[in-house]
Structures are given as structure tokens and as C-alpha cells.
């Protein structure tokens, strides 16, 4: 798919973003696009025509981390359940994400951020690397725990973090940035956004509908 990738990224995408009113915005950090080949069989690769069926940038997951999310038969799933082979791929993806993220933010930060103003939701940060002592930028990864749902939602590990949050955060850390894991609790809306102002960047990992399902307002968020 080299020809399709090259054509879409270099030719089409610069037109798509302005058409969506996002011409001045960077493309999402982690996203997918589904393509349908509309060309007759036998069409030369250079002449193929592809149709975009879907863009997905609403909390796309890292599939190699799926072993870390809870299901009825794996209620204690966690980061260490990811196989060595899949973890290697997770870390490779995370490194790419971190390198891309550091090119998107600006403004150095030199002091740790106290997150004690909001509720600590997760039980632990199993698998998270140590934060750099002098980060190039200071960041956070925001999640939502649905208190009315089993495991806090279908995308959670047993400690309350999203199943691929550790991989995302470690990618930031390996690129020289700090990345603290925080949760949005709608009763603490003002406190949460006051806290967010202290960071250089926020990686949003809230699945569509989860804020509403927890009793909050997606529109207000």
C-alpha cells in the first residue's frame, strides 16, 4: 500500500484538513483511516482509486495492548499480561508517538505538577516508567472511569487505567517529556481544567460517550 499511503499523506491530507476547518491544526497523534478500493480488478497500482470509508481519531486503541483490558473472563487483566512480543510492538508505537508529540508542543517546563487537587482514581501505575527529572515538556494523559460500568468501562485494565494508557505515557517519557496519568471526574470539572492549564500538553484518552455514561456532560467538557 506504499502508493496509497504516499498519495494520501502527501497529496490528499493537506486538502482534507482545511476542508474540515482544521487547516491550522496538526493531524491527530494516533488515528486510523479505512479505505475501499473502487478500481476494477487488474488496475495498475498507480491508477487505483480508493474511497475513504471512515476516519477514526476518537480514542483509537493500540491493539497490541488488548491483553491488558478487563473482560468477564479476565477481571484482573493488567499491563503485565501483555506478551513480550506485543509489548515490544507497543513500545515501538509509543516511541513514535512520543517523537511526534514532542514536535507538536512548545514551551519548556521545569517543575513537577501537583495533581492533588483532583481525585486519584487508579489503584496503581503498574508498568509506568519513572518521570524524567528535568522534562523537556510537562504533560498528562487524561482518562475517564465510568463508575456505573463493570471495570469502569470496556477499555479498562484492572487498576482503572485505560488498557493502553501506560504505553502512550511511556512513549512520552522515553522522548524526554513527563506524562502523568489523571482521570476526569465530572463533579470536579473546574478543578480538572484548572489543573490542565499547568501542563504543556494533554493526551486525551476518553472514549466517546464515557463522560455522559459517568453522569457528566460531553458538551461541557
C-alpha atoms as a PDB file:
ATOM      1  CA  UNK A   1       0.000   0.000   0.000  1.00  0.00           C
ATOM      2  CA  UNK A   2       3.006   2.306  -0.416  1.00  0.00           C
ATOM      3  CA  UNK A   3       1.451   4.171  -3.347  1.00  0.00           C
ATOM      4  CA  UNK A   4      -1.845   4.722  -1.499  1.00  0.00           C
ATOM      5  CA  UNK A   5      -0.069   5.857   1.677  1.00  0.00           C
ATOM      6  CA  UNK A   6       2.226   8.250  -0.152  1.00  0.00           C
ATOM      7  CA  UNK A   7      -0.587   9.773  -2.205  1.00  0.00           C
ATOM      8  CA  UNK A   8      -2.933  10.170   0.763  1.00  0.00           C
ATOM      9  CA  UNK A   9      -0.405  11.644   3.186  1.00  0.00           C
ATOM     10  CA  UNK A  10       1.368  13.995   0.773  1.00  0.00           C
ATOM     11  CA  UNK A  11      -1.416  14.978  -1.639  1.00  0.00           C
ATOM     12  CA  UNK A  12      -4.843  14.396  -0.116  1.00  0.00           C
ATOM     13  CA  UNK A  13      -4.420  15.028   3.604  1.00  0.00           C
ATOM     14  CA  UNK A  14      -3.266  18.657   3.187  1.00  0.00           C
ATOM     15  CA  UNK A  15      -6.604  19.245   1.422  1.00  0.00           C
ATOM     16  CA  UNK A  16      -8.726  17.256   3.870  1.00  0.00           C
ATOM     17  CA  UNK A  17      -7.697  19.177   6.991  1.00  0.00           C
ATOM     18  CA  UNK A  18      -8.660  22.647   5.626  1.00  0.00           C
ATOM     19  CA  UNK A  19     -11.918  21.189   4.297  1.00  0.00           C
ATOM     20  CA  UNK A  20     -12.744  20.123   7.857  1.00  0.00           C
ATOM     21  CA  UNK A  21     -11.928  23.578   9.186  1.00  0.00           C
ATOM     22  CA  UNK A  22      -8.715  22.230  10.741  1.00  0.00           C
ATOM     23  CA  UNK A  23      -6.164  23.727   8.399  1.00  0.00           C
ATOM     24  CA  UNK A  24      -4.132  25.244  11.245  1.00  0.00           C
ATOM     25  CA  UNK A  25      -4.220  22.135  13.421  1.00  0.00           C
ATOM     26  CA  UNK A  26      -1.783  19.210  13.435  1.00  0.00           C
ATOM     27  CA  UNK A  27      -3.195  15.826  12.473  1.00  0.00           C
ATOM     28  CA  UNK A  28      -4.210  13.695  15.493  1.00  0.00           C
ATOM     29  CA  UNK A  29      -1.429  11.955  17.370  1.00  0.00           C
ATOM     30  CA  UNK A  30      -2.921   8.471  16.841  1.00  0.00           C
ATOM     31  CA  UNK A  31      -5.612   7.811  14.257  1.00  0.00           C
ATOM     32  CA  UNK A  32      -6.789   5.416  11.559  1.00  0.00           C
ATOM     33  CA  UNK A  33      -8.491   5.632   8.179  1.00  0.00           C
ATOM     34  CA  UNK A  34     -10.412   2.875   6.363  1.00  0.00           C
ATOM     35  CA  UNK A  35     -10.076   2.691   2.569  1.00  0.00           C
ATOM     36  CA  UNK A  36     -12.118   0.851  -0.058  1.00  0.00           C
ATOM     37  CA  UNK A  37     -10.550   0.012  -3.422  1.00  0.00           C
ATOM     38  CA  UNK A  38     -13.089   1.090  -6.062  1.00  0.00           C
ATOM     39  CA  UNK A  39     -10.947   0.134  -9.073  1.00  0.00           C
ATOM     40  CA  UNK A  40     -11.764  -2.824 -11.351  1.00  0.00           C
ATOM     41  CA  UNK A  41      -9.608  -5.939 -10.810  1.00  0.00           C
ATOM     42  CA  UNK A  42      -6.342  -5.720 -12.694  1.00  0.00           C
ATOM     43  CA  UNK A  43      -5.993  -1.937 -12.436  1.00  0.00           C
ATOM     44  CA  UNK A  44      -2.352  -0.858 -12.206  1.00  0.00           C
ATOM     45  CA  UNK A  45      -1.329   0.259  -8.721  1.00  0.00           C
ATOM     46  CA  UNK A  46      -0.563   3.799  -9.854  1.00  0.00           C
ATOM     47  CA  UNK A  47      -4.064   4.140 -11.354  1.00  0.00           C
ATOM     48  CA  UNK A  48      -6.065   2.703  -8.463  1.00  0.00           C
ATOM     49  CA  UNK A  49      -8.817   4.819  -6.925  1.00  0.00           C
ATOM     50  CA  UNK A  50      -9.509   4.482  -3.231  1.00  0.00           C
ATOM     51  CA  UNK A  51     -12.503   5.777  -1.261  1.00  0.00           C
ATOM     52  CA  UNK A  52     -12.241   6.727   2.416  1.00  0.00           C
ATOM     53  CA  UNK A  53     -14.912   4.843   4.340  1.00  0.00           C
ATOM     54  CA  UNK A  54     -14.099   6.267   7.760  1.00  0.00           C
ATOM     55  CA  UNK A  55     -11.701   8.464   9.713  1.00  0.00           C
ATOM     56  CA  UNK A  56     -11.288   7.419  13.323  1.00  0.00           C
ATOM     57  CA  UNK A  57      -9.484   9.739  15.719  1.00  0.00           C
ATOM     58  CA  UNK A  58     -11.763   9.331  18.748  1.00  0.00           C
ATOM     59  CA  UNK A  59      -9.514   7.445  21.159  1.00  0.00           C
ATOM     60  CA  UNK A  60      -8.137   4.817  18.785  1.00  0.00           C
ATOM     61  CA  UNK A  61      -6.641   1.973  20.789  1.00  0.00           C
ATOM     62  CA  UNK A  62      -3.287   0.215  20.449  1.00  0.00           C
ATOM     63  CA  UNK A  63      -4.438  -3.295  19.579  1.00  0.00           C
ATOM     64  CA  UNK A  64      -1.231  -4.892  20.868  1.00  0.00           C
ATOM     65  CA  UNK A  65      -2.299  -3.803  24.371  1.00  0.00           C
ATOM     66  CA  UNK A  66      -5.655  -5.597  24.326  1.00  0.00           C
ATOM     67  CA  UNK A  67      -4.453  -8.279  26.729  1.00  0.00           C
ATOM     68  CA  UNK A  68      -4.438  -5.576  29.432  1.00  0.00           C
ATOM     69  CA  UNK A  69      -8.147  -4.756  29.334  1.00  0.00           C
ATOM     70  CA  UNK A  70     -10.711  -6.419  31.550  1.00  0.00           C
ATOM     71  CA  UNK A  71     -13.437  -8.751  30.347  1.00  0.00           C
ATOM     72  CA  UNK A  72     -15.754 -11.026  32.284  1.00  0.00           C
ATOM     73  CA  UNK A  73     -13.271 -13.893  31.998  1.00  0.00           C
ATOM     74  CA  UNK A  74     -10.202 -11.679  32.695  1.00  0.00           C
ATOM     75  CA  UNK A  75     -11.327  -9.366  35.538  1.00  0.00           C
ATOM     76  CA  UNK A  76      -7.765  -8.844  36.779  1.00  0.00           C
ATOM     77  CA  UNK A  77      -6.158  -8.009  33.425  1.00  0.00           C
ATOM     78  CA  UNK A  78      -3.238  -5.610  33.669  1.00  0.00           C
ATOM     79  CA  UNK A  79      -0.185  -4.284  31.846  1.00  0.00           C
ATOM     80  CA  UNK A  80       1.985  -7.289  32.684  1.00  0.00           C
ATOM     81  CA  UNK A  81      -0.451  -9.602  30.856  1.00  0.00           C
ATOM     82  CA  UNK A  82       0.750  -8.231  27.520  1.00  0.00           C
ATOM     83  CA  UNK A  83       3.091 -10.742  25.863  1.00  0.00           C
ATOM     84  CA  UNK A  84       6.763  -9.839  25.347  1.00  0.00           C
ATOM     85  CA  UNK A  85       6.267  -9.806  21.584  1.00  0.00           C
ATOM     86  CA  UNK A  86       3.246  -7.485  21.749  1.00  0.00           C
ATOM     87  CA  UNK A  87       4.899  -5.308  24.396  1.00  0.00           C
ATOM     88  CA  UNK A  88       7.852  -4.806  22.060  1.00  0.00           C
ATOM     89  CA  UNK A  89       5.471  -3.551  19.362  1.00  0.00           C
ATOM     90  CA  UNK A  90       3.612  -1.384  21.908  1.00  0.00           C
ATOM     91  CA  UNK A  91       6.850   0.275  22.905  1.00  0.00           C
ATOM     92  CA  UNK A  92       7.823   0.788  19.261  1.00  0.00           C
ATOM     93  CA  UNK A  93       4.498   2.523  18.563  1.00  0.00           C
ATOM     94  CA  UNK A  94       4.813   4.525  21.784  1.00  0.00           C
ATOM     95  CA  UNK A  95       8.263   5.766  20.816  1.00  0.00           C
ATOM     96  CA  UNK A  96       6.881   7.043  17.504  1.00  0.00           C
ATOM     97  CA  UNK A  97       4.015   8.755  19.359  1.00  0.00           C
ATOM     98  CA  UNK A  98       6.423  10.402  21.772  1.00  0.00           C
ATOM     99  CA  UNK A  99       8.659  11.693  18.990  1.00  0.00           C
ATOM    100  CA  UNK A 100       5.632  13.081  17.145  1.00  0.00           C
ATOM    101  CA  UNK A 101       4.194  14.652  20.292  1.00  0.00           C
ATOM    102  CA  UNK A 102       7.384  16.467  21.196  1.00  0.00           C
ATOM    103  CA  UNK A 103       7.391  18.099  17.771  1.00  0.00           C
ATOM    104  CA  UNK A 104       3.835  19.378  18.357  1.00  0.00           C
ATOM    105  CA  UNK A 105       4.223  21.154  21.703  1.00  0.00           C
ATOM    106  CA  UNK A 106       6.079  24.278  22.726  1.00  0.00           C
ATOM    107  CA  UNK A 107       7.207  25.951  25.932  1.00  0.00           C
ATOM    108  CA  UNK A 108       9.565  24.205  28.349  1.00  0.00           C
ATOM    109  CA  UNK A 109       8.504  23.185  31.820  1.00  0.00           C
ATOM    110  CA  UNK A 110      10.884  22.584  34.705  1.00  0.00           C
ATOM    111  CA  UNK A 111       8.771  21.909  37.789  1.00  0.00           C
ATOM    112  CA  UNK A 112       6.646  18.879  38.746  1.00  0.00           C
ATOM    113  CA  UNK A 113       2.885  19.308  38.644  1.00  0.00           C
ATOM    114  CA  UNK A 114       0.938  18.611  41.830  1.00  0.00           C
ATOM    115  CA  UNK A 115      -2.248  16.740  40.863  1.00  0.00           C
ATOM    116  CA  UNK A 116      -3.606  16.514  44.401  1.00  0.00           C
ATOM    117  CA  UNK A 117      -6.485  18.865  43.565  1.00  0.00           C
ATOM    118  CA  UNK A 118      -8.357  16.059  41.762  1.00  0.00           C
ATOM    119  CA  UNK A 119      -9.377  12.564  42.837  1.00  0.00           C
ATOM    120  CA  UNK A 120      -6.877   9.757  42.375  1.00  0.00           C
ATOM    121  CA  UNK A 121      -8.949   7.090  40.575  1.00  0.00           C
ATOM    122  CA  UNK A 122      -6.444   4.416  39.533  1.00  0.00           C
ATOM    123  CA  UNK A 123      -5.240   1.816  42.038  1.00  0.00           C
ATOM    124  CA  UNK A 124      -1.670   1.907  40.740  1.00  0.00           C
ATOM    125  CA  UNK A 125       0.538   2.860  37.763  1.00  0.00           C
ATOM    126  CA  UNK A 126       1.882  -0.621  37.016  1.00  0.00           C
ATOM    127  CA  UNK A 127       4.329  -0.517  34.098  1.00  0.00           C
ATOM    128  CA  UNK A 128       4.773   3.258  34.048  1.00  0.00           C
ATOM    129  CA  UNK A 129       8.371   4.423  33.677  1.00  0.00           C
ATOM    130  CA  UNK A 130       9.874   6.919  36.103  1.00  0.00           C
ATOM    131  CA  UNK A 131       9.251  10.528  35.153  1.00  0.00           C
ATOM    132  CA  UNK A 132      12.318  12.447  33.868  1.00  0.00           C
ATOM    133  CA  UNK A 133      13.905  14.705  36.480  1.00  0.00           C
ATOM    134  CA  UNK A 134      14.170  17.592  34.010  1.00  0.00           C
ATOM    135  CA  UNK A 135      11.464  17.083  31.368  1.00  0.00           C
ATOM    136  CA  UNK A 136      11.630  18.888  28.057  1.00  0.00           C
ATOM    137  CA  UNK A 137       7.861  19.405  28.366  1.00  0.00           C
ATOM    138  CA  UNK A 138       5.391  18.542  31.074  1.00  0.00           C
ATOM    139  CA  UNK A 139       2.305  16.565  30.100  1.00  0.00           C
ATOM    140  CA  UNK A 140      -0.592  14.454  31.293  1.00  0.00           C
ATOM    141  CA  UNK A 141      -2.770  11.699  29.899  1.00  0.00           C
ATOM    142  CA  UNK A 142      -6.461  12.167  30.721  1.00  0.00           C
ATOM    143  CA  UNK A 143      -8.944   9.302  31.035  1.00  0.00           C
ATOM    144  CA  UNK A 144     -12.500   8.696  32.220  1.00  0.00           C
ATOM    145  CA  UNK A 145     -13.593   5.915  34.596  1.00  0.00           C
ATOM    146  CA  UNK A 146     -17.305   5.085  34.250  1.00  0.00           C
ATOM    147  CA  UNK A 147     -18.322   4.329  37.807  1.00  0.00           C
ATOM    148  CA  UNK A 148     -21.609   2.681  36.842  1.00  0.00           C
ATOM    149  CA  UNK A 149     -19.984   0.152  34.497  1.00  0.00           C
ATOM    150  CA  UNK A 150     -18.123  -3.059  35.225  1.00  0.00           C
ATOM    151  CA  UNK A 151     -14.366  -2.446  35.315  1.00  0.00           C
ATOM    152  CA  UNK A 152     -15.020   1.294  34.740  1.00  0.00           C
ATOM    153  CA  UNK A 153     -15.781   0.750  31.057  1.00  0.00           C
ATOM    154  CA  UNK A 154     -14.944  -1.792  28.371  1.00  0.00           C
ATOM    155  CA  UNK A 155     -11.480  -0.290  27.754  1.00  0.00           C
ATOM    156  CA  UNK A 156     -10.033  -0.545  31.261  1.00  0.00           C
ATOM    157  CA  UNK A 157      -7.334  -2.583  32.947  1.00  0.00           C
ATOM    158  CA  UNK A 158      -7.966  -3.841  36.469  1.00  0.00           C
ATOM    159  CA  UNK A 159      -6.203  -0.833  38.023  1.00  0.00           C
ATOM    160  CA  UNK A 160      -8.607   1.695  36.452  1.00  0.00           C
ATOM    161  CA  UNK A 161      -6.365   2.995  33.668  1.00  0.00           C
ATOM    162  CA  UNK A 162      -7.297   2.558  30.013  1.00  0.00           C
ATOM    163  CA  UNK A 163      -5.574  -0.601  28.742  1.00  0.00           C
ATOM    164  CA  UNK A 164      -3.102   1.279  26.513  1.00  0.00           C
ATOM    165  CA  UNK A 165      -2.516   4.371  28.684  1.00  0.00           C
ATOM    166  CA  UNK A 166       0.780   3.077  30.067  1.00  0.00           C
ATOM    167  CA  UNK A 167       2.125   2.532  26.541  1.00  0.00           C
ATOM    168  CA  UNK A 168       1.134   6.055  25.480  1.00  0.00           C
ATOM    169  CA  UNK A 169       2.622   7.644  28.616  1.00  0.00           C
ATOM    170  CA  UNK A 170       5.853   5.662  28.341  1.00  0.00           C
ATOM    171  CA  UNK A 171       6.247   6.881  24.777  1.00  0.00           C
ATOM    172  CA  UNK A 172       6.151  10.470  26.013  1.00  0.00           C
ATOM    173  CA  UNK A 173       8.583   9.696  28.840  1.00  0.00           C
ATOM    174  CA  UNK A 174      11.075   7.957  26.538  1.00  0.00           C
ATOM    175  CA  UNK A 175      11.091  11.104  24.393  1.00  0.00           C
ATOM    176  CA  UNK A 176      12.199  13.196  27.367  1.00  0.00           C
ATOM    177  CA  UNK A 177       8.802  14.524  28.421  1.00  0.00           C
ATOM    178  CA  UNK A 178       6.932  13.746  31.612  1.00  0.00           C
ATOM    179  CA  UNK A 179       3.438  12.279  31.410  1.00  0.00           C
ATOM    180  CA  UNK A 180       1.237  11.918  34.486  1.00  0.00           C
ATOM    181  CA  UNK A 181      -1.904   9.781  34.391  1.00  0.00           C
ATOM    182  CA  UNK A 182      -5.051  11.606  35.521  1.00  0.00           C
ATOM    183  CA  UNK A 183      -8.808  10.986  35.415  1.00  0.00           C
ATOM    184  CA  UNK A 184     -11.657  13.388  34.671  1.00  0.00           C
ATOM    185  CA  UNK A 185     -14.370  13.247  37.342  1.00  0.00           C
ATOM    186  CA  UNK A 186     -17.275  15.454  36.256  1.00  0.00           C
ATOM    187  CA  UNK A 187     -18.009  16.656  39.783  1.00  0.00           C
ATOM    188  CA  UNK A 188     -14.519  18.200  39.720  1.00  0.00           C
ATOM    189  CA  UNK A 189     -14.862  19.859  36.321  1.00  0.00           C
ATOM    190  CA  UNK A 190     -13.422  23.239  37.319  1.00  0.00           C
ATOM    191  CA  UNK A 191     -10.591  21.745  39.345  1.00  0.00           C
ATOM    192  CA  UNK A 192      -9.686  19.426  36.460  1.00  0.00           C
ATOM    193  CA  UNK A 193      -9.410  22.202  33.879  1.00  0.00           C
ATOM    194  CA  UNK A 194      -7.557  24.490  36.270  1.00  0.00           C
ATOM    195  CA  UNK A 195      -5.046  21.662  36.668  1.00  0.00           C
ATOM    196  CA  UNK A 196      -4.811  21.091  32.903  1.00  0.00           C
ATOM    197  CA  UNK A 197      -3.683  24.695  32.405  1.00  0.00           C
ATOM    198  CA  UNK A 198      -0.474  23.866  34.267  1.00  0.00           C
ATOM    199  CA  UNK A 199       0.636  21.280  31.698  1.00  0.00           C
ATOM    200  CA  UNK A 200       2.296  21.897  28.333  1.00  0.00           C
ATOM    201  CA  UNK A 201       0.163  19.202  26.691  1.00  0.00           C
ATOM    202  CA  UNK A 202      -2.692  16.803  27.448  1.00  0.00           C
ATOM    203  CA  UNK A 203      -3.126  13.453  25.680  1.00  0.00           C
ATOM    204  CA  UNK A 204      -6.886  12.776  25.640  1.00  0.00           C
ATOM    205  CA  UNK A 205      -7.858   9.098  26.005  1.00  0.00           C
ATOM    206  CA  UNK A 206     -11.594   9.376  26.772  1.00  0.00           C
ATOM    207  CA  UNK A 207     -13.782   7.102  24.662  1.00  0.00           C
ATOM    208  CA  UNK A 208     -16.840   8.780  23.069  1.00  0.00           C
ATOM    209  CA  UNK A 209     -19.858   8.556  25.346  1.00  0.00           C
ATOM    210  CA  UNK A 210     -17.970   7.691  28.526  1.00  0.00           C
ATOM    211  CA  UNK A 211     -18.250  11.148  30.081  1.00  0.00           C
ATOM    212  CA  UNK A 212     -22.018  11.079  29.602  1.00  0.00           C
ATOM    213  CA  UNK A 213     -22.234   7.498  30.850  1.00  0.00           C
ATOM    214  CA  UNK A 214     -20.486   8.571  34.057  1.00  0.00           C
ATOM    215  CA  UNK A 215     -23.083  11.321  34.589  1.00  0.00           C
ATOM    216  CA  UNK A 216     -21.175  14.244  33.095  1.00  0.00           C
ATOM    217  CA  UNK A 217     -21.685  16.403  30.013  1.00  0.00           C
ATOM    218  CA  UNK A 218     -19.599  15.782  26.891  1.00  0.00           C
ATOM    219  CA  UNK A 219     -20.615  19.238  25.620  1.00  0.00           C
ATOM    220  CA  UNK A 220     -19.425  20.956  28.799  1.00  0.00           C
ATOM    221  CA  UNK A 221     -16.150  19.036  28.629  1.00  0.00           C
END
